[in-house]
C-alpha atoms as a PDB file:
ATOM      1  CA  UNK A   1      -1.062  24.888 -37.829  1.00  0.00           C
ATOM      2  CA  UNK A   2      -0.138  22.467 -35.053  1.00  0.00           C
ATOM      3  CA  UNK A   3      -2.800  19.906 -34.185  1.00  0.00           C
ATOM      4  CA  UNK A   4      -1.801  20.269 -30.516  1.00  0.00           C
ATOM      5  CA  UNK A   5      -3.194  22.747 -28.035  1.00  0.00           C
ATOM      6  CA  UNK A   6      -0.036  23.364 -25.998  1.00  0.00           C
ATOM      7  CA  UNK A   7      -0.424  25.132 -22.672  1.00  0.00           C
ATOM      8  CA  UNK A   8       2.818  27.095 -22.096  1.00  0.00           C
ATOM      9  CA  UNK A   9       2.313  26.907 -18.324  1.00  0.00           C
ATOM     10  CA  UNK A  10       2.367  23.105 -18.219  1.00  0.00           C
ATOM     11  CA  UNK A  11       5.617  21.170 -18.024  1.00  0.00           C
ATOM     12  CA  UNK A  12       4.589  18.130 -20.063  1.00  0.00           C
ATOM     13  CA  UNK A  13       8.007  16.483 -19.771  1.00  0.00           C
ATOM     14  CA  UNK A  14       7.860  16.710 -15.984  1.00  0.00           C
ATOM     15  CA  UNK A  15       4.380  15.183 -15.931  1.00  0.00           C
ATOM     16  CA  UNK A  16       5.774  12.238 -17.897  1.00  0.00           C
ATOM     17  CA  UNK A  17       8.586  11.908 -15.363  1.00  0.00           C
ATOM     18  CA  UNK A  18       6.120  11.947 -12.482  1.00  0.00           C
ATOM     19  CA  UNK A  19       4.050   9.277 -14.216  1.00  0.00           C
ATOM     20  CA  UNK A  20       7.141   7.096 -14.599  1.00  0.00           C
ATOM     21  CA  UNK A  21       8.167   7.677 -10.978  1.00  0.00           C
ATOM     22  CA  UNK A  22       4.715   6.736  -9.713  1.00  0.00           C
ATOM     23  CA  UNK A  23       4.830   3.605 -11.876  1.00  0.00           C
ATOM     24  CA  UNK A  24       8.157   2.607 -10.336  1.00  0.00           C
ATOM     25  CA  UNK A  25       6.979   3.278  -6.788  1.00  0.00           C
ATOM     26  CA  UNK A  26       3.732   1.399  -7.329  1.00  0.00           C
ATOM     27  CA  UNK A  27       5.713  -1.531  -8.742  1.00  0.00           C
ATOM     28  CA  UNK A  28       7.923  -1.597  -5.632  1.00  0.00           C
ATOM     29  CA  UNK A  29       4.921  -1.585  -3.317  1.00  0.00           C
ATOM     30  CA  UNK A  30       3.241  -4.328  -5.351  1.00  0.00           C
ATOM     31  CA  UNK A  31       6.412  -6.424  -5.321  1.00  0.00           C
ATOM     32  CA  UNK A  32       6.825  -5.902  -1.574  1.00  0.00           C
ATOM     33  CA  UNK A  33       3.273  -7.073  -0.970  1.00  0.00           C
ATOM     34  CA  UNK A  34       3.585 -10.172  -3.150  1.00  0.00           C
ATOM     35  CA  UNK A  35       7.011 -11.136  -1.791  1.00  0.00           C
ATOM     36  CA  UNK A  36       5.876 -10.673   1.800  1.00  0.00           C
ATOM     37  CA  UNK A  37       2.725 -12.765   1.288  1.00  0.00           C
ATOM     38  CA  UNK A  38       4.871 -15.469  -0.307  1.00  0.00           C
ATOM     39  CA  UNK A  39       7.019 -15.327   2.829  1.00  0.00           C
ATOM     40  CA  UNK A  40       3.962 -15.675   5.046  1.00  0.00           C
ATOM     41  CA  UNK A  41       2.898 -18.760   3.098  1.00  0.00           C
ATOM     42  CA  UNK A  42       6.407 -20.227   3.350  1.00  0.00           C
ATOM     43  CA  UNK A  43       6.615 -19.819   7.131  1.00  0.00           C
ATOM     44  CA  UNK A  44       3.083 -21.110   7.622  1.00  0.00           C
ATOM     45  CA  UNK A  45       3.817 -24.214   5.555  1.00  0.00           C
ATOM     46  CA  UNK A  46       7.159 -24.698   7.332  1.00  0.00           C
ATOM     47  CA  UNK A  47       5.504 -24.785  10.753  1.00  0.00           C
ATOM     48  CA  UNK A  48       2.801 -27.184   9.564  1.00  0.00           C
ATOM     49  CA  UNK A  49       5.419 -29.475   8.011  1.00  0.00           C
ATOM     50  CA  UNK A  50       7.599 -29.495  11.138  1.00  0.00           C
ATOM     51  CA  UNK A  51       4.597 -30.218  13.340  1.00  0.00           C
ATOM     52  CA  UNK A  52       3.467 -33.060  11.101  1.00  0.00           C
ATOM     53  CA  UNK A  53       6.954 -34.624  11.160  1.00  0.00           C
ATOM     54  CA  UNK A  54       7.139 -34.420  14.946  1.00  0.00           C
ATOM     55  CA  UNK A  55       3.673 -35.867  15.441  1.00  0.00           C
ATOM     56  CA  UNK A  56       4.537 -38.792  13.169  1.00  0.00           C
ATOM     57  CA  UNK A  57       7.452 -39.558  15.471  1.00  0.00           C
ATOM     58  CA  UNK A  58       5.254 -39.616  18.568  1.00  0.00           C
ATOM     59  CA  UNK A  59       2.105 -40.937  16.915  1.00  0.00           C
ATOM     60  CA  UNK A  60      -0.376 -42.380  19.372  1.00  0.00           C
ATOM     61  CA  UNK A  61       1.313 -40.939  22.449  1.00  0.00           C
ATOM     62  CA  UNK A  62      -0.002 -38.270  24.842  1.00  0.00           C
ATOM     63  CA  UNK A  63       2.053 -35.572  23.068  1.00  0.00           C
ATOM     64  CA  UNK A  64       0.543 -36.334  19.664  1.00  0.00           C
ATOM     65  CA  UNK A  65      -1.746 -33.302  19.527  1.00  0.00           C
ATOM     66  CA  UNK A  66      -1.925 -30.036  17.609  1.00  0.00           C
ATOM     67  CA  UNK A  67      -2.667 -28.125  20.802  1.00  0.00           C
ATOM     68  CA  UNK A  68       0.563 -29.294  22.386  1.00  0.00           C
ATOM     69  CA  UNK A  69       2.514 -28.567  19.213  1.00  0.00           C
ATOM     70  CA  UNK A  70       1.089 -25.051  19.069  1.00  0.00           C
ATOM     71  CA  UNK A  71       2.312 -24.376  22.603  1.00  0.00           C
ATOM     72  CA  UNK A  72       5.938 -25.200  21.690  1.00  0.00           C
ATOM     73  CA  UNK A  73       8.281 -22.324  20.851  1.00  0.00           C
ATOM     74  CA  UNK A  74       9.052 -21.364  17.279  1.00  0.00           C
ATOM     75  CA  UNK A  75      12.606 -20.624  16.143  1.00  0.00           C
ATOM     76  CA  UNK A  76      14.033 -19.015  13.020  1.00  0.00           C
ATOM     77  CA  UNK A  77      17.330 -20.884  13.395  1.00  0.00           C
ATOM     78  CA  UNK A  78      16.422 -23.384  10.669  1.00  0.00           C
ATOM     79  CA  UNK A  79      15.331 -20.626   8.268  1.00  0.00           C
ATOM     80  CA  UNK A  80      18.195 -18.137   8.636  1.00  0.00           C
ATOM     81  CA  UNK A  81      21.770 -19.372   8.447  1.00  0.00           C
ATOM     82  CA  UNK A  82      22.845 -16.853  11.094  1.00  0.00           C
ATOM     83  CA  UNK A  83      21.304 -14.415  13.538  1.00  0.00           C
ATOM     84  CA  UNK A  84      19.689 -12.280  10.877  1.00  0.00           C
ATOM     85  CA  UNK A  85      18.063  -9.061  12.118  1.00  0.00           C
ATOM     86  CA  UNK A  86      18.139 -10.232  15.757  1.00  0.00           C
ATOM     87  CA  UNK A  87      16.022 -13.256  14.832  1.00  0.00           C
ATOM     88  CA  UNK A  88      17.459 -15.105  17.809  1.00  0.00           C
ATOM     89  CA  UNK A  89      15.648 -12.723  20.163  1.00  0.00           C
ATOM     90  CA  UNK A  90      12.252 -13.362  18.618  1.00  0.00           C
ATOM     91  CA  UNK A  91       9.868 -15.252  20.868  1.00  0.00           C
ATOM     92  CA  UNK A  92       6.579 -16.763  19.732  1.00  0.00           C
ATOM     93  CA  UNK A  93       4.802 -20.091  19.983  1.00  0.00           C
ATOM     94  CA  UNK A  94       4.232 -22.213  16.914  1.00  0.00           C
ATOM     95  CA  UNK A  95       0.510 -21.556  17.247  1.00  0.00           C
ATOM     96  CA  UNK A  96       1.078 -17.801  17.225  1.00  0.00           C
ATOM     97  CA  UNK A  97       3.283 -18.070  14.156  1.00  0.00           C
ATOM     98  CA  UNK A  98       0.695 -20.194  12.343  1.00  0.00           C
ATOM     99  CA  UNK A  99      -2.083 -17.756  13.194  1.00  0.00           C
ATOM    100  CA  UNK A 100      -0.299 -14.586  12.112  1.00  0.00           C
ATOM    101  CA  UNK A 101       0.852 -16.136   8.827  1.00  0.00           C
ATOM    102  CA  UNK A 102      -2.504 -17.700   7.961  1.00  0.00           C
ATOM    103  CA  UNK A 103      -4.604 -15.916   5.302  1.00  0.00           C
ATOM    104  CA  UNK A 104      -6.412 -13.157   7.171  1.00  0.00           C
ATOM    105  CA  UNK A 105      -3.888 -13.268  10.009  1.00  0.00           C
ATOM    106  CA  UNK A 106      -2.264 -10.264  11.641  1.00  0.00           C
ATOM    107  CA  UNK A 107       0.680 -10.253   9.222  1.00  0.00           C
ATOM    108  CA  UNK A 108      -1.693  -9.743   6.289  1.00  0.00           C
ATOM    109  CA  UNK A 109      -3.452  -6.960   8.140  1.00  0.00           C
ATOM    110  CA  UNK A 110      -0.231  -5.188   9.113  1.00  0.00           C
ATOM    111  CA  UNK A 111       1.239  -5.516   5.624  1.00  0.00           C
ATOM    112  CA  UNK A 112      -1.865  -4.074   3.979  1.00  0.00           C
ATOM    113  CA  UNK A 113      -1.886  -1.130   6.369  1.00  0.00           C
ATOM    114  CA  UNK A 114       1.819  -0.448   5.817  1.00  0.00           C
ATOM    115  CA  UNK A 115       1.394  -0.457   2.036  1.00  0.00           C
ATOM    116  CA  UNK A 116      -1.591   1.882   2.261  1.00  0.00           C
ATOM    117  CA  UNK A 117       0.336   4.327   4.454  1.00  0.00           C
ATOM    118  CA  UNK A 118       3.342   4.194   2.107  1.00  0.00           C
ATOM    119  CA  UNK A 119       1.186   4.932  -0.942  1.00  0.00           C
ATOM    120  CA  UNK A 120      -0.496   7.916   0.661  1.00  0.00           C
ATOM    121  CA  UNK A 121       2.765   9.315   2.057  1.00  0.00           C
ATOM    122  CA  UNK A 122       4.349   9.147  -1.399  1.00  0.00           C
ATOM    123  CA  UNK A 123       1.484  11.217  -2.763  1.00  0.00           C
ATOM    124  CA  UNK A 124       1.266  13.691   0.088  1.00  0.00           C
ATOM    125  CA  UNK A 125       4.973  14.179   0.802  1.00  0.00           C
ATOM    126  CA  UNK A 126       6.218  14.267  -2.780  1.00  0.00           C
ATOM    127  CA  UNK A 127       3.984  13.666  -5.786  1.00  0.00           C
ATOM    128  CA  UNK A 128       1.169  16.072  -4.944  1.00  0.00           C
ATOM    129  CA  UNK A 129       3.294  19.209  -4.843  1.00  0.00           C
ATOM    130  CA  UNK A 130       5.392  18.171  -7.835  1.00  0.00           C
ATOM    131  CA  UNK A 131       2.209  17.573  -9.819  1.00  0.00           C
ATOM    132  CA  UNK A 132       0.842  21.053  -9.086  1.00  0.00           C
ATOM    133  CA  UNK A 133       4.188  22.633  -9.957  1.00  0.00           C
ATOM    134  CA  UNK A 134       4.309  20.733 -13.265  1.00  0.00           C
ATOM    135  CA  UNK A 135       0.784  21.909 -14.039  1.00  0.00           C
ATOM    136  CA  UNK A 136       1.993  25.496 -13.702  1.00  0.00           C
ATOM    137  CA  UNK A 137      -0.196  26.203 -10.686  1.00  0.00           C
ATOM    138  CA  UNK A 138       2.562  26.635  -8.084  1.00  0.00           C
ATOM    139  CA  UNK A 139       6.038  28.132  -8.095  1.00  0.00           C
ATOM    140  CA  UNK A 140       8.571  25.434  -7.271  1.00  0.00           C
ATOM    141  CA  UNK A 141      10.315  27.825  -4.853  1.00  0.00           C
ATOM    142  CA  UNK A 142       7.167  28.914  -3.019  1.00  0.00           C
ATOM    143  CA  UNK A 143       7.759  28.918   0.752  1.00  0.00           C
ATOM    144  CA  UNK A 144       4.488  30.374   2.008  1.00  0.00           C
ATOM    145  CA  UNK A 145       2.703  27.324   3.445  1.00  0.00           C
ATOM    146  CA  UNK A 146      -0.716  28.940   3.240  1.00  0.00           C
ATOM    147  CA  UNK A 147      -0.262  29.535  -0.482  1.00  0.00           C
ATOM    148  CA  UNK A 148       1.056  26.003  -0.982  1.00  0.00           C
ATOM    149  CA  UNK A 149      -1.871  24.435   0.875  1.00  0.00           C
ATOM    150  CA  UNK A 150      -4.391  26.518  -1.055  1.00  0.00           C
ATOM    151  CA  UNK A 151      -2.891  25.539  -4.432  1.00  0.00           C
ATOM    152  CA  UNK A 152      -2.669  21.885  -3.493  1.00  0.00           C
ATOM    153  CA  UNK A 153      -6.236  21.866  -2.280  1.00  0.00           C
ATOM    154  CA  UNK A 154      -7.456  23.611  -5.427  1.00  0.00           C
ATOM    155  CA  UNK A 155      -5.444  21.762  -8.051  1.00  0.00           C
ATOM    156  CA  UNK A 156      -4.600  18.362  -6.516  1.00  0.00           C
ATOM    157  CA  UNK A 157      -7.620  17.096  -4.620  1.00  0.00           C
ATOM    158  CA  UNK A 158      -8.756  13.620  -5.629  1.00  0.00           C
ATOM    159  CA  UNK A 159     -11.320  11.324  -4.042  1.00  0.00           C
ATOM    160  CA  UNK A 160      -8.892   8.389  -4.024  1.00  0.00           C
ATOM    161  CA  UNK A 161      -6.141  10.212  -2.169  1.00  0.00           C
ATOM    162  CA  UNK A 162      -8.671  11.846   0.133  1.00  0.00           C
ATOM    163  CA  UNK A 163      -9.970   8.405   1.111  1.00  0.00           C
ATOM    164  CA  UNK A 164      -6.459   7.040   1.638  1.00  0.00           C
ATOM    165  CA  UNK A 165      -5.726  10.041   3.853  1.00  0.00           C
ATOM    166  CA  UNK A 166      -8.685   9.236   6.096  1.00  0.00           C
ATOM    167  CA  UNK A 167      -7.637   5.594   6.305  1.00  0.00           C
ATOM    168  CA  UNK A 168      -4.028   6.519   7.036  1.00  0.00           C
ATOM    169  CA  UNK A 169      -5.013   8.794   9.905  1.00  0.00           C
ATOM    170  CA  UNK A 170      -7.112   6.034  11.457  1.00  0.00           C
ATOM    171  CA  UNK A 171      -4.299   3.489  11.017  1.00  0.00           C
ATOM    172  CA  UNK A 172      -1.572   5.704  12.466  1.00  0.00           C
ATOM    173  CA  UNK A 173      -3.493   7.690  15.063  1.00  0.00           C
ATOM    174  CA  UNK A 174      -6.454   5.481  16.019  1.00  0.00           C
ATOM    175  CA  UNK A 175      -4.799   2.070  16.351  1.00  0.00           C
ATOM    176  CA  UNK A 176      -6.140   0.916  12.994  1.00  0.00           C
ATOM    177  CA  UNK A 177      -9.781   1.392  13.964  1.00  0.00           C
ATOM    178  CA  UNK A 178     -12.126   3.208  11.591  1.00  0.00           C
ATOM    179  CA  UNK A 179     -13.692   6.431  12.839  1.00  0.00           C
ATOM    180  CA  UNK A 180     -16.438   8.723  11.576  1.00  0.00           C
ATOM    181  CA  UNK A 181     -14.085  10.255   8.997  1.00  0.00           C
ATOM    182  CA  UNK A 182     -13.381   6.844   7.471  1.00  0.00           C
ATOM    183  CA  UNK A 183     -17.121   6.282   7.152  1.00  0.00           C
ATOM    184  CA  UNK A 184     -17.245   9.410   4.976  1.00  0.00           C
ATOM    185  CA  UNK A 185     -14.886   8.002   2.329  1.00  0.00           C
ATOM    186  CA  UNK A 186     -16.221   8.532  -1.187  1.00  0.00           C
ATOM    187  CA  UNK A 187     -14.688   5.568  -3.004  1.00  0.00           C
ATOM    188  CA  UNK A 188     -13.412   3.165  -0.351  1.00  0.00           C
ATOM    189  CA  UNK A 189     -16.638   2.265   1.426  1.00  0.00           C
ATOM    190  CA  UNK A 190     -15.487  -0.816   3.296  1.00  0.00           C
ATOM    191  CA  UNK A 191     -15.461   0.341   6.906  1.00  0.00           C
ATOM    192  CA  UNK A 192     -17.825   1.757   9.491  1.00  0.00           C
ATOM    193  CA  UNK A 193     -16.813   3.423  12.779  1.00  0.00           C
ATOM    194  CA  UNK A 194     -15.359   0.806  15.103  1.00  0.00           C
ATOM    195  CA  UNK A 195     -14.312  -1.573  12.324  1.00  0.00           C
ATOM    196  CA  UNK A 196     -10.749  -2.794  12.170  1.00  0.00           C
ATOM    197  CA  UNK A 197      -9.108  -1.475   9.017  1.00  0.00           C
ATOM    198  CA  UNK A 198      -8.241  -4.842   7.531  1.00  0.00           C
ATOM    199  CA  UNK A 199      -6.725  -4.473   4.059  1.00  0.00           C
ATOM    200  CA  UNK A 200      -7.191  -7.991   2.728  1.00  0.00           C
ATOM    201  CA  UNK A 201      -5.491  -9.150  -0.501  1.00  0.00           C
ATOM    202  CA  UNK A 202      -8.710  -8.445  -2.423  1.00  0.00           C
ATOM    203  CA  UNK A 203      -8.872  -4.935  -0.989  1.00  0.00           C
ATOM    204  CA  UNK A 204      -5.176  -4.376  -1.633  1.00  0.00           C
ATOM    205  CA  UNK A 205      -5.783  -5.361  -5.246  1.00  0.00           C
ATOM    206  CA  UNK A 206      -8.573  -2.782  -5.517  1.00  0.00           C
ATOM    207  CA  UNK A 207      -6.335  -0.065  -4.071  1.00  0.00           C
ATOM    208  CA  UNK A 208      -3.478  -0.929  -6.422  1.00  0.00           C
ATOM    209  CA  UNK A 209      -5.816  -0.794  -9.416  1.00  0.00           C
ATOM    210  CA  UNK A 210      -7.207   2.557  -8.235  1.00  0.00           C
ATOM    211  CA  UNK A 211      -3.703   4.031  -7.983  1.00  0.00           C
ATOM    212  CA  UNK A 212      -2.893   2.534 -11.386  1.00  0.00           C
ATOM    213  CA  UNK A 213      -5.962   4.256 -12.816  1.00  0.00           C
ATOM    214  CA  UNK A 214      -4.724   7.557 -11.373  1.00  0.00           C
ATOM    215  CA  UNK A 215      -1.294   6.859 -12.903  1.00  0.00           C
ATOM    216  CA  UNK A 216      -2.926   6.393 -16.299  1.00  0.00           C
ATOM    217  CA  UNK A 217      -4.663   9.740 -15.971  1.00  0.00           C
ATOM    218  CA  UNK A 218      -1.377  11.371 -14.983  1.00  0.00           C
ATOM    219  CA  UNK A 219       0.295   9.810 -18.017  1.00  0.00           C
ATOM    220  CA  UNK A 220      -2.469  11.179 -20.230  1.00  0.00           C
ATOM    221  CA  UNK A 221      -1.933  14.685 -18.850  1.00  0.00           C
ATOM    222  CA  UNK A 222       1.662  14.503 -20.047  1.00  0.00           C
ATOM    223  CA  UNK A 223       0.437  15.071 -23.606  1.00  0.00           C
ATOM    224  CA  UNK A 224      -0.956  18.352 -24.988  1.00  0.00           C
ATOM    225  CA  UNK A 225      -4.574  18.231 -26.021  1.00  0.00           C
ATOM    226  CA  UNK A 226      -4.950  17.033 -29.586  1.00  0.00           C
ATOM    227  CA  UNK A 227      -7.569  18.266 -31.988  1.00  0.00           C
ATOM    228  CA  UNK A 228      -8.477  17.988 -35.637  1.00  0.00           C
ATOM    229  CA  UNK A 229      -9.215  21.145 -37.546  1.00  0.00           C
ATOM    230  CA  UNK A 230     -11.597  20.741 -40.473  1.00  0.00           C
ATOM    231  CA  UNK A 231     -10.881  23.316 -43.198  1.00  0.00           C
ATOM    232  CA  UNK A 232     -13.857  25.382 -44.375  1.00  0.00           C
ATOM    233  CA  UNK A 233     -15.565  24.248 -47.554  1.00  0.00           C
END
């Protein structure tokens, strides 16, 4: 007798594929976040270095001040060899560039929000339905949206994804400001109505680990239940 309790309705191979696909997507999002933050640090340091060099040249004069340096325009011409992605049209002062690339600046906030939205959209637009189909709870060719919604709600409702949904709606439709729905999150209890949804590196780490935990559970579901049968004495 097989030690595995195989459910004929479950596509275990497909669940493994979905686990692998989520792993790959999560890795891309993680890499994007780390690479972007490294870029923020590079630009921030570049501006500080350029300002320090200029102030050394005019040391002791009336233009030797951080305030004056921050009012000067920033240019990407020394970073990109050519007019990459219309960089020549970008206009910002050095102070603005320093501020947005500083830890906690607007670039960190925007990046965190973008990653959160991407993670939820991957779940909602692709993984959720595929998961329910693989579990044998929905016909892959089902076109009736009411049936689809009912099956998804019944067989693929998770506190993590529900919280990310609330945060996504506030980010996309409420200018990144938490509302009463965000305050009702079950796991992500960081924001109250009126708070700016600031996904700091520490919070991004927590979200990544939460999705990784879900991935581990999905991976586990790709195996039939295993049991040990003890023969009668």
